[in-house]
Amino acid sequence: MTKRNDHMHAALDEARAAAGRGEVPVGAVIVRTGTVIAKAGNRTRELNDPTAHAEILAIRQACTALGVERLTDADLYVTLEPCAMCAAAISFARIRRLYFGAADEKGGAVLHGGRFFSSPTCHHAPEVYSGFSETEAAALLVDFFRQKRGRAAD
């Protein structure tokens, strides 16, 4: 198994943990020189914070751990295509590479929607690689929302 797959599997573990907390199952891992320096899952409900997406939490954690505001030599692995807010944070943090699993036609802002990194107002665009563990990442989301709808019908 490649290191990239290992890192995406760590992000998937974070997504599963988020689902276990009743959060939308999205997980993120930040890697620098081959070492995981931050990992997080969504915590918007737990923290009552609409900005507590996995990517934002991982970026905050990595910056705190390194004592920096920019992560120019770091790579982000996330299970779902980032939204506009997270894409902006990735840009501002100067993340070097973005690897993501499932595409998000409705809320994504990398390959879909506003395509943040292609915007003329974007100051930094990471290298973007999509489709890592895409089937597993998408299945986590589908199963989570299927269970939510099933409970709502009870």
Protein backbone atom coordinates (compact mmCIF):
# COMPACT_ATOMS: atom_id res chain seq x y z
CA MET A 1 0.00 0.00 0.00
CA THR A 2 1.33 3.44 -0.87
CA LYS A 3 1.83 6.24 1.63
CA ARG A 4 -0.91 8.26 -0.11
CA ASN A 5 -3.34 5.41 0.44
CA ASP A 6 -2.24 5.13 4.08
CA HIS A 7 -2.92 8.83 4.59
CA MET A 8 -6.32 8.63 2.92
CA HIS A 9 -7.17 5.63 5.11
CA ALA A 10 -6.30 7.75 8.15
CA ALA A 11 -8.68 10.43 6.84
CA LEU A 12 -11.35 7.76 6.40
CA ASP A 13 -10.81 6.71 10.03
CA GLU A 14 -11.44 10.33 11.05
CA ALA A 15 -14.60 10.38 8.91
CA ARG A 16 -15.87 7.19 10.59
CA ALA A 17 -15.18 8.72 14.01
CA ALA A 18 -17.12 11.84 12.97
CA ALA A 19 -20.08 9.66 11.95
CA GLY A 20 -19.89 7.95 15.33
CA ARG A 21 -20.34 11.38 16.94
CA GLY A 22 -23.36 12.10 14.74
CA GLU A 23 -21.39 14.42 12.48
CA VAL A 24 -21.33 14.33 8.69
CA PRO A 25 -18.55 11.79 8.04
CA VAL A 26 -15.72 13.87 6.63
CA GLY A 27 -12.14 13.37 7.75
CA ALA A 28 -8.91 15.19 7.02
CA VAL A 29 -5.22 14.50 7.56
CA ILE A 30 -2.28 16.87 7.02
CA VAL A 31 1.08 15.38 6.18
CA ARG A 32 4.50 17.03 6.13
CA THR A 33 7.67 15.20 5.07
CA GLY A 34 5.77 11.92 5.19
CA THR A 35 4.57 12.39 8.77
CA VAL A 36 0.98 13.05 9.86
CA ILE A 37 1.02 16.34 11.76
CA ALA A 38 -2.73 16.85 12.13
CA LYS A 39 -5.95 14.93 11.74
CA ALA A 40 -9.57 15.81 12.34
CA GLY A 41 -13.14 14.95 11.55
CA ASN A 42 -16.14 17.23 11.30
CA ARG A 43 -17.27 18.68 14.66
CA THR A 44 -19.81 21.33 13.64
CA ARG A 45 -22.60 19.92 15.82
CA GLU A 46 -20.40 19.07 18.79
CA LEU A 47 -18.78 22.53 18.87
CA ASN A 48 -21.84 24.46 17.67
CA ASP A 49 -19.52 25.95 15.08
CA PRO A 50 -20.39 26.02 11.37
CA THR A 51 -16.69 26.46 10.55
CA ALA A 52 -15.63 23.26 12.34
CA HIS A 53 -15.20 21.29 9.14
CA ALA A 54 -12.52 18.59 9.16
CA GLU A 55 -10.21 20.59 6.86
CA ILE A 56 -10.40 23.75 8.96
CA LEU A 57 -9.79 21.86 12.21
CA ALA A 58 -6.82 19.99 10.72
CA ILE A 59 -5.32 23.22 9.34
CA ARG A 60 -5.67 24.92 12.74
CA GLN A 61 -4.11 21.91 14.48
CA ALA A 62 -1.18 21.75 12.03
CA CYS A 63 -0.47 25.47 12.25
CA THR A 64 -0.54 25.34 16.05
CA ALA A 65 1.71 22.27 16.16
CA LEU A 66 4.28 23.89 13.86
CA GLY A 67 3.90 27.45 15.18
CA VAL A 68 3.25 28.82 11.68
CA GLU A 69 0.41 30.36 9.74
CA ARG A 70 1.28 28.76 6.41
CA LEU A 71 1.74 25.11 5.50
CA THR A 72 3.69 25.50 2.26
CA ASP A 73 5.32 22.07 2.45
CA ALA A 74 2.27 20.16 3.66
CA ASP A 75 -0.29 17.99 1.91
CA LEU A 76 -3.96 17.64 2.86
CA TYR A 77 -5.91 14.41 2.48
CA VAL A 78 -9.68 14.78 2.87
CA THR A 79 -12.48 12.33 2.20
CA LEU A 80 -14.80 14.78 0.43
CA GLU A 81 -14.23 17.55 -2.11
CA PRO A 82 -13.81 20.74 -0.06
CA CYS A 83 -16.52 23.40 0.08
CA ALA A 84 -15.82 27.06 -0.73
CA MET A 85 -14.95 27.89 2.90
CA CYS A 86 -12.48 25.03 3.15
CA ALA A 87 -11.00 25.71 -0.29
CA ALA A 88 -10.34 29.29 0.82
CA ALA A 89 -8.68 28.07 4.03
CA ILE A 90 -6.54 25.65 2.01
CA SER A 91 -5.48 28.52 -0.23
CA PHE A 92 -4.75 30.89 2.66
CA ALA A 93 -2.75 28.19 4.45
CA ARG A 94 -0.76 27.65 1.24
CA ILE A 95 -1.26 23.87 1.35
CA ARG A 96 1.03 22.32 -1.27
CA ARG A 97 -1.15 19.43 -2.45
CA LEU A 98 -4.79 18.48 -1.95
CA TYR A 99 -5.88 14.85 -2.25
CA PHE A 100 -9.58 14.14 -1.89
CA GLY A 101 -11.86 11.14 -2.11
CA ALA A 102 -15.47 11.69 -3.13
CA ALA A 103 -16.55 14.49 -5.43
CA ASP A 104 -19.31 16.76 -4.11
CA GLU A 105 -21.46 18.01 -6.99
CA LYS A 106 -23.76 19.94 -4.64
CA GLY A 107 -21.36 21.56 -2.15
CA GLY A 108 -17.89 21.11 -3.57
CA ALA A 109 -15.87 24.10 -4.73
CA VAL A 110 -12.79 22.50 -6.28
CA LEU A 111 -14.10 20.58 -9.30
CA HIS A 112 -17.70 21.74 -8.89
CA GLY A 113 -19.55 24.93 -8.01
CA GLY A 114 -17.39 28.03 -7.88
CA ARG A 115 -14.13 26.13 -8.55
CA PHE A 116 -12.34 28.30 -6.03
CA PHE A 117 -8.78 27.51 -7.12
CA SER A 118 -9.57 28.64 -10.68
CA SER A 119 -10.93 31.99 -9.52
CA PRO A 120 -8.87 35.07 -10.40
CA THR A 121 -9.12 36.15 -6.75
CA CYS A 122 -7.43 32.95 -5.52
CA HIS A 123 -3.90 33.77 -4.37
CA HIS A 124 -2.65 30.19 -4.09
CA ALA A 125 -3.91 26.99 -5.68
CA PRO A 126 -2.56 23.65 -4.49
CA GLU A 127 -1.91 20.74 -6.79
CA VAL A 128 -5.22 18.83 -6.76
CA TYR A 129 -5.67 15.07 -6.99
CA SER A 130 -9.15 13.55 -6.77
CA GLY A 131 -10.62 10.08 -6.51
CA PHE A 132 -8.50 8.63 -3.69
CA SER A 133 -10.58 5.93 -1.95
CA GLU A 134 -13.54 7.57 -3.66
CA THR A 135 -15.89 4.58 -3.40
CA GLU A 136 -15.30 4.10 0.32
CA ALA A 137 -15.57 7.83 1.06
CA ALA A 138 -18.82 8.14 -0.90
CA ALA A 139 -20.26 5.02 0.77
CA LEU A 140 -19.65 6.51 4.23
CA LEU A 141 -21.68 9.58 3.27
CA VAL A 142 -24.48 7.65 1.55
CA ASP A 143 -24.82 5.25 4.51
CA PHE A 144 -24.78 8.11 7.03
CA PHE A 145 -27.56 10.04 5.30
CA ARG A 146 -29.57 6.88 4.61
CA GLN A 147 -29.50 6.13 8.36
CA LYS A 148 -30.48 9.72 9.17
CA ARG A 149 -33.46 9.56 6.80
CA GLY A 150 -34.43 6.14 8.17
CA ARG A 151 -34.54 7.47 11.73
CA ALA A 152 -36.50 10.53 10.66
CA ALA A 153 -39.17 8.24 9.15
CA ASP A 154 -39.60 6.30 12.43
